[in-house]
Protein backbone atom coordinates (compact mmCIF):
# COMPACT_ATOMS: atom_id res chain seq x y z
CA SER A 1 -5.70 13.64 -0.38
CA LEU A 2 -8.99 14.01 -2.16
CA ARG A 3 -8.79 17.31 -3.99
CA THR A 4 -12.13 19.07 -4.17
CA PRO A 5 -11.35 22.81 -4.41
CA ASP A 6 -14.97 23.79 -5.05
CA LEU A 7 -16.33 21.91 -2.03
CA PRO A 8 -16.02 22.66 1.67
CA PHE A 9 -14.08 20.44 4.06
CA GLN A 10 -15.48 16.92 4.15
CA GLU A 11 -14.56 13.60 5.69
CA VAL A 12 -14.82 10.89 3.05
CA PRO A 13 -14.78 7.19 3.99
CA TYR A 14 -12.56 5.09 1.75
CA THR A 15 -11.04 1.63 1.54
CA HIS A 16 -7.45 0.94 0.61
CA VAL A 17 -6.44 -2.48 -0.68
CA TRP A 18 -2.83 -3.68 -0.94
CA THR A 19 -2.12 -6.62 -3.25
CA LEU A 20 1.28 -8.26 -2.75
CA PRO A 21 3.28 -10.57 -5.03
CA GLN A 22 2.96 -14.37 -4.89
CA PRO A 23 3.06 -16.26 -2.59
CA GLY A 24 2.13 -13.47 -0.16
CA ILE A 25 3.09 -13.14 3.49
CA VAL A 26 1.70 -14.47 6.75
CA ASP A 27 -1.09 -12.17 7.90
CA PRO A 28 -0.26 -11.22 11.50
CA GLN A 29 -3.97 -11.02 12.39
CA THR A 30 -5.00 -14.44 11.02
CA GLY A 31 -1.74 -16.40 10.87
CA LYS A 32 -2.67 -17.39 7.28
CA LEU A 33 -0.75 -16.77 4.08
CA SER A 34 -2.31 -13.72 2.41
CA ARG A 35 -1.71 -11.53 -0.63
CA VAL A 36 -4.50 -8.98 -0.15
CA PHE A 37 -4.77 -6.63 2.81
CA GLU A 38 -7.78 -4.32 3.09
CA ASP A 39 -8.50 -1.52 5.54
CA ALA A 40 -11.09 1.24 5.85
CA SER A 41 -10.29 4.82 6.82
CA VAL A 42 -11.44 8.41 6.39
CA ALA A 43 -9.82 11.04 4.16
CA ARG A 44 -10.23 14.74 4.74
CA THR A 45 -10.71 16.68 1.53
CA ASN A 46 -7.95 19.05 0.43
CA ILE A 47 -5.60 17.96 3.24
CA PRO A 48 -2.51 15.99 2.12
CA SER A 49 -2.35 12.40 3.30
CA LEU A 50 -0.03 9.45 2.86
CA LEU A 51 -0.44 5.67 2.58
CA TRP A 52 2.51 3.28 2.69
CA TRP A 53 3.40 -0.37 3.04
CA ALA A 54 5.82 -0.75 5.96
CA VAL A 55 8.29 -3.62 5.74
CA THR A 56 9.01 -4.47 9.37
CA GLU A 57 9.93 -8.16 9.22
CA GLU A 58 12.42 -10.11 7.08
CA ALA A 59 9.57 -12.29 5.76
CA GLU A 60 7.92 -9.15 4.32
CA LEU A 61 10.84 -8.50 1.96
CA LEU A 62 8.96 -10.13 -0.87
CA PRO A 63 10.32 -9.17 -4.29
CA GLY A 64 7.73 -8.42 -6.96
CA GLU A 65 4.87 -6.09 -7.80
CA TYR A 66 2.84 -4.37 -5.07
CA THR A 67 -0.42 -2.59 -5.89
CA LEU A 68 -2.41 -0.10 -3.83
CA ASP A 69 -6.02 0.49 -4.85
CA ILE A 70 -8.21 3.16 -3.22
CA PHE A 71 -12.00 2.86 -3.33
CA VAL A 72 -14.68 5.42 -2.46
CA GLY A 73 -18.28 4.23 -2.48
CA GLY A 74 -17.22 0.98 -4.16
CA ALA A 75 -15.54 2.75 -7.11
CA ARG A 76 -11.78 2.59 -7.57
CA ILE A 77 -10.50 6.17 -7.66
CA ALA A 78 -6.75 5.53 -7.63
CA ARG A 79 -4.16 2.83 -8.26
CA GLU A 80 -0.42 2.89 -7.64
CA THR A 81 1.97 0.04 -8.41
CA PHE A 82 5.61 -0.40 -7.54
CA THR A 83 8.12 -3.23 -7.79
CA LEU A 84 10.35 -4.30 -4.92
CA VAL A 85 13.62 -5.71 -6.22
CA PRO A 86 16.22 -7.61 -4.19
CA ALA A 87 19.27 -5.63 -3.22
CA LYS A 88 22.22 -6.38 -5.46
CA ALA A 89 25.20 -8.05 -3.89
CA ARG A 90 27.65 -5.48 -2.62
CA VAL A 91 30.81 -5.27 -4.63
CA HIS A 92 33.95 -5.15 -2.51
CA ARG A 93 36.68 -3.10 -4.08
CA GLY A 94 40.12 -3.64 -2.68
CA ARG A 95 42.62 -0.85 -2.29
């Protein structure tokens, strides 16, 4: 959320941009290989909100660094980065 304790409730337009690791994934809207996904939305000040990257297809399990940038009025106001690592092979322990 955009925390503005001294200001009344506002709706603030923002853009969030996800950057995925190389080589990217197939964009379901264009059918092209893409690494950057951008969307516009509106935040409400002082109300908690959540952004996430949903992995819904096997092809989206792309190991590497993911970055979320949030822009208001063209200025980046936040950046969060995380790394998706492949699951380790399960170790079978006999009895």
